[in-house]
């Protein structure tokens, strides 16, 4: 099956148990994102069904998986909720899809410094609810808030609701933990955050993120009508 040999499958099964799958249907589901592949591109990209799907639960497991894959020459493709539709999660070299579904915890909320540290696979709505309990709120979030992840948006890059005041998402990140291709864990801060924003995981797999938040306050909804586009 692709690049995975029998001993590779055995290792993954022994290490990750029910958090690895070789099921054909599951692999097919993890071989595309939310968008339909354009007919003109499909022949160029080819088969994007991975050989396996693994769901790590921690940075330590991510390090172990990456080191193993690096030694074996097995491609890894990070995947969160695959809601972007731009092909960033397509495993065009097959190999193993790293599904961040289980890396979805809030690690810390700092009310004094107005930051939250989370695992990359946490969904925005879940984080927002956790912040609300602490009297805090998100400064900005994507339009796919109910079903996309914090790490996915950093990897994809962009702006969203709240960006008029707060800017690009990467500008609201104070620190991130990234696992490099050799398994090294790097704490990224300052201007270096731009190296992992918009990179789709090519500069390292994002494990944890510390982002700016704000005090919870009542908000007004205002609608503005324009008679013409000018």
C-alpha atoms as a PDB file:
ATOM      1  CA  UNK A   1       0.000   0.000   0.000  1.00  0.00           C
ATOM      2  CA  UNK A   2       1.861   3.100  -1.233  1.00  0.00           C
ATOM      3  CA  UNK A   3       4.989   3.975   0.720  1.00  0.00           C
ATOM      4  CA  UNK A   4       4.033   2.039   3.855  1.00  0.00           C
ATOM      5  CA  UNK A   5       5.560  -1.375   4.331  1.00  0.00           C
ATOM      6  CA  UNK A   6       4.154  -4.040   6.623  1.00  0.00           C
ATOM      7  CA  UNK A   7       6.554  -3.133   9.442  1.00  0.00           C
ATOM      8  CA  UNK A   8       5.538   0.536   9.105  1.00  0.00           C
ATOM      9  CA  UNK A   9       1.881  -0.342   9.531  1.00  0.00           C
ATOM     10  CA  UNK A  10       2.765  -2.540  12.488  1.00  0.00           C
ATOM     11  CA  UNK A  11       4.663   0.298  14.165  1.00  0.00           C
ATOM     12  CA  UNK A  12       1.765   2.730  13.718  1.00  0.00           C
ATOM     13  CA  UNK A  13      -0.745   0.215  15.050  1.00  0.00           C
ATOM     14  CA  UNK A  14       1.372  -0.594  18.101  1.00  0.00           C
ATOM     15  CA  UNK A  15       2.116   3.071  18.833  1.00  0.00           C
ATOM     16  CA  UNK A  16      -1.238   4.721  18.138  1.00  0.00           C
ATOM     17  CA  UNK A  17      -3.758   1.879  18.511  1.00  0.00           C
ATOM     18  CA  UNK A  18      -7.247   2.991  17.502  1.00  0.00           C
ATOM     19  CA  UNK A  19      -5.879   6.426  16.598  1.00  0.00           C
ATOM     20  CA  UNK A  20      -4.477   5.155  13.310  1.00  0.00           C
ATOM     21  CA  UNK A  21      -6.557   3.840  10.435  1.00  0.00           C
ATOM     22  CA  UNK A  22      -5.800   2.094   7.162  1.00  0.00           C
ATOM     23  CA  UNK A  23      -9.479   1.777   6.251  1.00  0.00           C
ATOM     24  CA  UNK A  24      -9.996   2.632   2.580  1.00  0.00           C
ATOM     25  CA  UNK A  25     -13.087   4.791   3.146  1.00  0.00           C
ATOM     26  CA  UNK A  26     -11.441   6.739   5.985  1.00  0.00           C
ATOM     27  CA  UNK A  27      -8.342   7.291   3.876  1.00  0.00           C
ATOM     28  CA  UNK A  28     -10.462   8.497   0.968  1.00  0.00           C
ATOM     29  CA  UNK A  29     -12.296  10.957   3.219  1.00  0.00           C
ATOM     30  CA  UNK A  30      -8.931  12.343   4.323  1.00  0.00           C
ATOM     31  CA  UNK A  31      -7.770  12.727   0.729  1.00  0.00           C
ATOM     32  CA  UNK A  32      -9.737  15.896  -0.073  1.00  0.00           C
ATOM     33  CA  UNK A  33     -10.862  19.139   1.495  1.00  0.00           C
ATOM     34  CA  UNK A  34     -14.218  20.925   1.471  1.00  0.00           C
ATOM     35  CA  UNK A  35     -13.975  21.934  -2.196  1.00  0.00           C
ATOM     36  CA  UNK A  36     -14.457  19.865  -5.331  1.00  0.00           C
ATOM     37  CA  UNK A  37     -11.300  19.319  -7.331  1.00  0.00           C
ATOM     38  CA  UNK A  38     -11.396  21.274 -10.651  1.00  0.00           C
ATOM     39  CA  UNK A  39     -11.449  18.888 -13.604  1.00  0.00           C
ATOM     40  CA  UNK A  40      -8.458  20.581 -15.226  1.00  0.00           C
ATOM     41  CA  UNK A  41      -6.296  20.097 -12.122  1.00  0.00           C
ATOM     42  CA  UNK A  42      -7.349  16.581 -11.213  1.00  0.00           C
ATOM     43  CA  UNK A  43      -5.143  14.812 -13.813  1.00  0.00           C
ATOM     44  CA  UNK A  44      -2.141  16.901 -12.720  1.00  0.00           C
ATOM     45  CA  UNK A  45      -2.563  16.172  -9.009  1.00  0.00           C
ATOM     46  CA  UNK A  46      -3.521  12.529  -9.380  1.00  0.00           C
ATOM     47  CA  UNK A  47      -4.501  10.192  -6.577  1.00  0.00           C
ATOM     48  CA  UNK A  48      -4.589  11.946  -3.193  1.00  0.00           C
ATOM     49  CA  UNK A  49      -5.679   9.026  -1.020  1.00  0.00           C
ATOM     50  CA  UNK A  50      -3.126   8.679   1.820  1.00  0.00           C
ATOM     51  CA  UNK A  51      -1.717   5.366   3.005  1.00  0.00           C
ATOM     52  CA  UNK A  52      -2.778   5.964   6.609  1.00  0.00           C
ATOM     53  CA  UNK A  53      -4.340   8.522   8.931  1.00  0.00           C
ATOM     54  CA  UNK A  54      -2.899   9.140  12.414  1.00  0.00           C
ATOM     55  CA  UNK A  55      -4.372  11.249  15.231  1.00  0.00           C
ATOM     56  CA  UNK A  56      -1.694  12.352  17.735  1.00  0.00           C
ATOM     57  CA  UNK A  57      -2.794  13.777  21.085  1.00  0.00           C
ATOM     58  CA  UNK A  58       0.239  15.798  22.153  1.00  0.00           C
ATOM     59  CA  UNK A  59       3.368  17.576  20.990  1.00  0.00           C
ATOM     60  CA  UNK A  60       5.420  14.620  22.234  1.00  0.00           C
ATOM     61  CA  UNK A  61       3.502  12.194  20.016  1.00  0.00           C
ATOM     62  CA  UNK A  62       3.834  14.581  17.102  1.00  0.00           C
ATOM     63  CA  UNK A  63       7.606  14.668  17.613  1.00  0.00           C
ATOM     64  CA  UNK A  64       7.803  10.875  17.674  1.00  0.00           C
ATOM     65  CA  UNK A  65       5.686  10.544  14.529  1.00  0.00           C
ATOM     66  CA  UNK A  66       7.728  13.125  12.612  1.00  0.00           C
ATOM     67  CA  UNK A  67      11.060  11.571  13.606  1.00  0.00           C
ATOM     68  CA  UNK A  68       9.839   8.158  12.506  1.00  0.00           C
ATOM     69  CA  UNK A  69       8.521   9.498   9.191  1.00  0.00           C
ATOM     70  CA  UNK A  70      11.761  11.412   8.570  1.00  0.00           C
ATOM     71  CA  UNK A  71      13.865   8.284   9.079  1.00  0.00           C
ATOM     72  CA  UNK A  72      11.589   6.260   6.808  1.00  0.00           C
ATOM     73  CA  UNK A  73      11.201   8.917   4.103  1.00  0.00           C
ATOM     74  CA  UNK A  74       7.426   8.892   4.504  1.00  0.00           C
ATOM     75  CA  UNK A  75       5.556  12.112   3.603  1.00  0.00           C
ATOM     76  CA  UNK A  76       3.346  13.711   6.259  1.00  0.00           C
ATOM     77  CA  UNK A  77       0.422  16.027   5.532  1.00  0.00           C
ATOM     78  CA  UNK A  78      -1.125  18.017   8.410  1.00  0.00           C
ATOM     79  CA  UNK A  79      -4.905  18.248   8.471  1.00  0.00           C
ATOM     80  CA  UNK A  80      -7.306  20.025  10.801  1.00  0.00           C
ATOM     81  CA  UNK A  81     -10.912  20.502   9.636  1.00  0.00           C
ATOM     82  CA  UNK A  82     -10.034  20.908   5.919  1.00  0.00           C
ATOM     83  CA  UNK A  83     -12.462  23.825   5.624  1.00  0.00           C
ATOM     84  CA  UNK A  84     -10.336  26.141   3.445  1.00  0.00           C
ATOM     85  CA  UNK A  85     -11.009  24.547   0.054  1.00  0.00           C
ATOM     86  CA  UNK A  86      -7.629  25.589  -1.405  1.00  0.00           C
ATOM     87  CA  UNK A  87      -5.908  22.208  -1.462  1.00  0.00           C
ATOM     88  CA  UNK A  88      -3.510  22.784   1.426  1.00  0.00           C
ATOM     89  CA  UNK A  89      -4.435  19.498   3.125  1.00  0.00           C
ATOM     90  CA  UNK A  90      -4.264  17.296   0.025  1.00  0.00           C
ATOM     91  CA  UNK A  91      -1.727  14.465   0.507  1.00  0.00           C
ATOM     92  CA  UNK A  92      -0.415  14.664  -3.045  1.00  0.00           C
ATOM     93  CA  UNK A  93       2.497  12.388  -2.117  1.00  0.00           C
ATOM     94  CA  UNK A  94       0.214  10.052  -0.163  1.00  0.00           C
ATOM     95  CA  UNK A  95       2.069   8.844   2.934  1.00  0.00           C
ATOM     96  CA  UNK A  96       0.414   9.659   6.279  1.00  0.00           C
ATOM     97  CA  UNK A  97      -2.175  12.330   7.041  1.00  0.00           C
ATOM     98  CA  UNK A  98      -1.628  13.833  10.512  1.00  0.00           C
ATOM     99  CA  UNK A  99      -5.149  14.545  11.735  1.00  0.00           C
ATOM    100  CA  UNK A 100      -5.193  17.128  14.563  1.00  0.00           C
ATOM    101  CA  UNK A 101      -8.693  16.147  15.690  1.00  0.00           C
ATOM    102  CA  UNK A 102      -7.529  15.031  19.170  1.00  0.00           C
ATOM    103  CA  UNK A 103      -5.159  17.942  19.749  1.00  0.00           C
ATOM    104  CA  UNK A 104      -8.036  20.180  20.783  1.00  0.00           C
ATOM    105  CA  UNK A 105      -7.362  21.294  24.349  1.00  0.00           C
ATOM    106  CA  UNK A 106      -7.134  24.684  25.999  1.00  0.00           C
ATOM    107  CA  UNK A 107      -3.727  24.609  27.693  1.00  0.00           C
ATOM    108  CA  UNK A 108      -3.904  27.906  29.610  1.00  0.00           C
ATOM    109  CA  UNK A 109      -5.851  31.154  29.856  1.00  0.00           C
ATOM    110  CA  UNK A 110      -3.956  34.191  31.142  1.00  0.00           C
ATOM    111  CA  UNK A 111      -6.526  36.787  32.255  1.00  0.00           C
ATOM    112  CA  UNK A 112      -3.864  39.261  33.330  1.00  0.00           C
ATOM    113  CA  UNK A 113      -1.996  39.336  30.005  1.00  0.00           C
ATOM    114  CA  UNK A 114      -5.118  38.617  27.926  1.00  0.00           C
ATOM    115  CA  UNK A 115      -3.805  35.533  26.125  1.00  0.00           C
ATOM    116  CA  UNK A 116      -4.907  31.943  25.627  1.00  0.00           C
ATOM    117  CA  UNK A 117      -2.652  28.980  24.847  1.00  0.00           C
ATOM    118  CA  UNK A 118      -4.314  26.167  22.911  1.00  0.00           C
ATOM    119  CA  UNK A 119      -3.488  23.045  20.956  1.00  0.00           C
ATOM    120  CA  UNK A 120      -3.604  23.631  17.224  1.00  0.00           C
ATOM    121  CA  UNK A 121      -6.633  21.425  16.580  1.00  0.00           C
ATOM    122  CA  UNK A 122      -9.104  23.289  18.802  1.00  0.00           C
ATOM    123  CA  UNK A 123     -12.207  24.597  17.035  1.00  0.00           C
ATOM    124  CA  UNK A 124     -12.838  28.324  17.361  1.00  0.00           C
ATOM    125  CA  UNK A 125     -16.291  27.927  18.841  1.00  0.00           C
ATOM    126  CA  UNK A 126     -14.987  25.630  21.593  1.00  0.00           C
ATOM    127  CA  UNK A 127     -12.264  28.131  22.479  1.00  0.00           C
ATOM    128  CA  UNK A 128     -14.764  30.993  22.495  1.00  0.00           C
ATOM    129  CA  UNK A 129     -16.984  29.154  24.976  1.00  0.00           C
ATOM    130  CA  UNK A 130     -14.017  28.458  27.256  1.00  0.00           C
ATOM    131  CA  UNK A 131     -13.043  32.137  27.146  1.00  0.00           C
ATOM    132  CA  UNK A 132     -16.593  33.249  27.910  1.00  0.00           C
ATOM    133  CA  UNK A 133     -16.496  31.351  31.214  1.00  0.00           C
ATOM    134  CA  UNK A 134     -13.474  33.483  32.163  1.00  0.00           C
ATOM    135  CA  UNK A 135     -15.078  36.768  31.120  1.00  0.00           C
ATOM    136  CA  UNK A 136     -12.995  36.925  27.930  1.00  0.00           C
ATOM    137  CA  UNK A 137     -13.643  36.803  24.192  1.00  0.00           C
ATOM    138  CA  UNK A 138     -11.881  36.339  20.865  1.00  0.00           C
ATOM    139  CA  UNK A 139     -10.368  39.420  19.232  1.00  0.00           C
ATOM    140  CA  UNK A 140     -10.919  38.000  15.750  1.00  0.00           C
ATOM    141  CA  UNK A 141     -12.068  34.763  14.146  1.00  0.00           C
ATOM    142  CA  UNK A 142     -12.743  33.310  10.684  1.00  0.00           C
ATOM    143  CA  UNK A 143     -16.151  33.029   9.039  1.00  0.00           C
ATOM    144  CA  UNK A 144     -15.814  29.254   9.462  1.00  0.00           C
ATOM    145  CA  UNK A 145     -15.771  29.748  13.273  1.00  0.00           C
ATOM    146  CA  UNK A 146     -18.160  26.809  14.074  1.00  0.00           C
ATOM    147  CA  UNK A 147     -16.036  24.194  12.326  1.00  0.00           C
ATOM    148  CA  UNK A 148     -12.473  25.409  11.685  1.00  0.00           C
ATOM    149  CA  UNK A 149      -9.442  25.362  13.971  1.00  0.00           C
ATOM    150  CA  UNK A 150      -6.993  27.872  15.399  1.00  0.00           C
ATOM    151  CA  UNK A 151      -3.961  26.056  13.970  1.00  0.00           C
ATOM    152  CA  UNK A 152      -5.636  25.616  10.615  1.00  0.00           C
ATOM    153  CA  UNK A 153      -6.230  29.340  10.282  1.00  0.00           C
ATOM    154  CA  UNK A 154      -2.637  30.161  11.188  1.00  0.00           C
ATOM    155  CA  UNK A 155      -1.373  27.619   8.638  1.00  0.00           C
ATOM    156  CA  UNK A 156      -3.763  28.979   6.000  1.00  0.00           C
ATOM    157  CA  UNK A 157      -3.373  32.649   6.916  1.00  0.00           C
ATOM    158  CA  UNK A 158      -5.835  35.459   6.389  1.00  0.00           C
ATOM    159  CA  UNK A 159      -8.217  37.851   8.060  1.00  0.00           C
ATOM    160  CA  UNK A 160     -11.703  37.501   9.508  1.00  0.00           C
ATOM    161  CA  UNK A 161     -14.300  39.050  11.757  1.00  0.00           C
ATOM    162  CA  UNK A 162     -12.531  41.557  13.992  1.00  0.00           C
ATOM    163  CA  UNK A 163      -9.633  42.121  11.588  1.00  0.00           C
ATOM    164  CA  UNK A 164     -10.700  45.705  10.855  1.00  0.00           C
ATOM    165  CA  UNK A 165      -9.432  46.538  14.350  1.00  0.00           C
ATOM    166  CA  UNK A 166      -7.020  43.668  15.045  1.00  0.00           C
ATOM    167  CA  UNK A 167      -5.357  43.066  11.678  1.00  0.00           C
ATOM    168  CA  UNK A 168      -4.153  39.764  10.228  1.00  0.00           C
ATOM    169  CA  UNK A 169      -4.430  36.673  12.371  1.00  0.00           C
ATOM    170  CA  UNK A 170      -0.658  36.132  12.618  1.00  0.00           C
ATOM    171  CA  UNK A 171      -0.363  39.627  14.100  1.00  0.00           C
ATOM    172  CA  UNK A 172      -2.462  38.419  17.026  1.00  0.00           C
ATOM    173  CA  UNK A 173      -0.180  35.474  17.849  1.00  0.00           C
ATOM    174  CA  UNK A 174       2.324  36.003  20.656  1.00  0.00           C
ATOM    175  CA  UNK A 175       3.955  32.560  20.432  1.00  0.00           C
ATOM    176  CA  UNK A 176       3.625  29.195  18.732  1.00  0.00           C
ATOM    177  CA  UNK A 177       5.161  25.772  19.199  1.00  0.00           C
ATOM    178  CA  UNK A 178       6.212  24.117  15.951  1.00  0.00           C
ATOM    179  CA  UNK A 179       7.693  20.687  15.255  1.00  0.00           C
ATOM    180  CA  UNK A 180      10.256  20.831  12.454  1.00  0.00           C
ATOM    181  CA  UNK A 181      10.944  18.160   9.839  1.00  0.00           C
ATOM    182  CA  UNK A 182      13.651  16.497  11.966  1.00  0.00           C
ATOM    183  CA  UNK A 183      11.450  16.364  15.073  1.00  0.00           C
ATOM    184  CA  UNK A 184      12.963  19.433  16.734  1.00  0.00           C
ATOM    185  CA  UNK A 185      10.464  21.487  18.743  1.00  0.00           C
ATOM    186  CA  UNK A 186      10.839  25.220  18.129  1.00  0.00           C
ATOM    187  CA  UNK A 187       9.157  28.000  20.089  1.00  0.00           C
ATOM    188  CA  UNK A 188       8.341  30.714  17.568  1.00  0.00           C
ATOM    189  CA  UNK A 189       7.813  34.343  18.576  1.00  0.00           C
ATOM    190  CA  UNK A 190       7.981  37.830  17.086  1.00  0.00           C
ATOM    191  CA  UNK A 191       8.633  38.259  13.348  1.00  0.00           C
ATOM    192  CA  UNK A 192       9.341  34.520  12.964  1.00  0.00           C
ATOM    193  CA  UNK A 193       5.608  33.843  13.313  1.00  0.00           C
ATOM    194  CA  UNK A 194       5.281  34.984   9.694  1.00  0.00           C
ATOM    195  CA  UNK A 195       7.375  31.943   8.713  1.00  0.00           C
ATOM    196  CA  UNK A 196       4.589  29.578   9.755  1.00  0.00           C
ATOM    197  CA  UNK A 197       1.644  31.751   8.723  1.00  0.00           C
ATOM    198  CA  UNK A 198       0.287  30.943   5.228  1.00  0.00           C
ATOM    199  CA  UNK A 199       2.844  28.105   4.960  1.00  0.00           C
ATOM    200  CA  UNK A 200       0.386  25.160   5.071  1.00  0.00           C
ATOM    201  CA  UNK A 201       2.735  23.216   7.351  1.00  0.00           C
ATOM    202  CA  UNK A 202       5.688  23.296   4.944  1.00  0.00           C
ATOM    203  CA  UNK A 203       7.889  25.079   7.517  1.00  0.00           C
ATOM    204  CA  UNK A 204       6.820  22.847  10.408  1.00  0.00           C
ATOM    205  CA  UNK A 205       3.727  21.339  11.976  1.00  0.00           C
ATOM    206  CA  UNK A 206       2.038  23.758  14.387  1.00  0.00           C
ATOM    207  CA  UNK A 207       1.414  22.127  17.753  1.00  0.00           C
ATOM    208  CA  UNK A 208       0.393  24.932  20.136  1.00  0.00           C
ATOM    209  CA  UNK A 209      -0.555  28.582  19.748  1.00  0.00           C
ATOM    210  CA  UNK A 210      -0.741  31.489  22.186  1.00  0.00           C
ATOM    211  CA  UNK A 211      -3.096  34.172  20.890  1.00  0.00           C
ATOM    212  CA  UNK A 212      -4.336  37.519  22.122  1.00  0.00           C
ATOM    213  CA  UNK A 213      -7.858  37.729  23.525  1.00  0.00           C
ATOM    214  CA  UNK A 214      -9.932  40.572  24.970  1.00  0.00           C
ATOM    215  CA  UNK A 215     -12.400  41.217  27.811  1.00  0.00           C
ATOM    216  CA  UNK A 216     -15.937  40.057  27.110  1.00  0.00           C
ATOM    217  CA  UNK A 217     -18.290  42.914  26.362  1.00  0.00           C
ATOM    218  CA  UNK A 218     -21.713  43.459  24.841  1.00  0.00           C
ATOM    219  CA  UNK A 219     -21.661  44.031  21.096  1.00  0.00           C
ATOM    220  CA  UNK A 220     -24.036  45.851  18.805  1.00  0.00           C
ATOM    221  CA  UNK A 221     -24.961  44.609  15.343  1.00  0.00           C
ATOM    222  CA  UNK A 222     -25.225  47.398  12.764  1.00  0.00           C
ATOM    223  CA  UNK A 223     -26.356  47.026   9.157  1.00  0.00           C
ATOM    224  CA  UNK A 224     -25.326  49.590   6.535  1.00  0.00           C
ATOM    225  CA  UNK A 225     -27.025  49.836   3.139  1.00  0.00           C
ATOM    226  CA  UNK A 226     -25.265  51.381   0.141  1.00  0.00           C
ATOM    227  CA  UNK A 227     -27.141  52.613  -2.949  1.00  0.00           C
ATOM    228  CA  UNK A 228     -24.222  51.792  -5.273  1.00  0.00           C
ATOM    229  CA  UNK A 229     -20.770  50.159  -5.090  1.00  0.00           C
ATOM    230  CA  UNK A 230     -18.876  53.461  -5.142  1.00  0.00           C
END
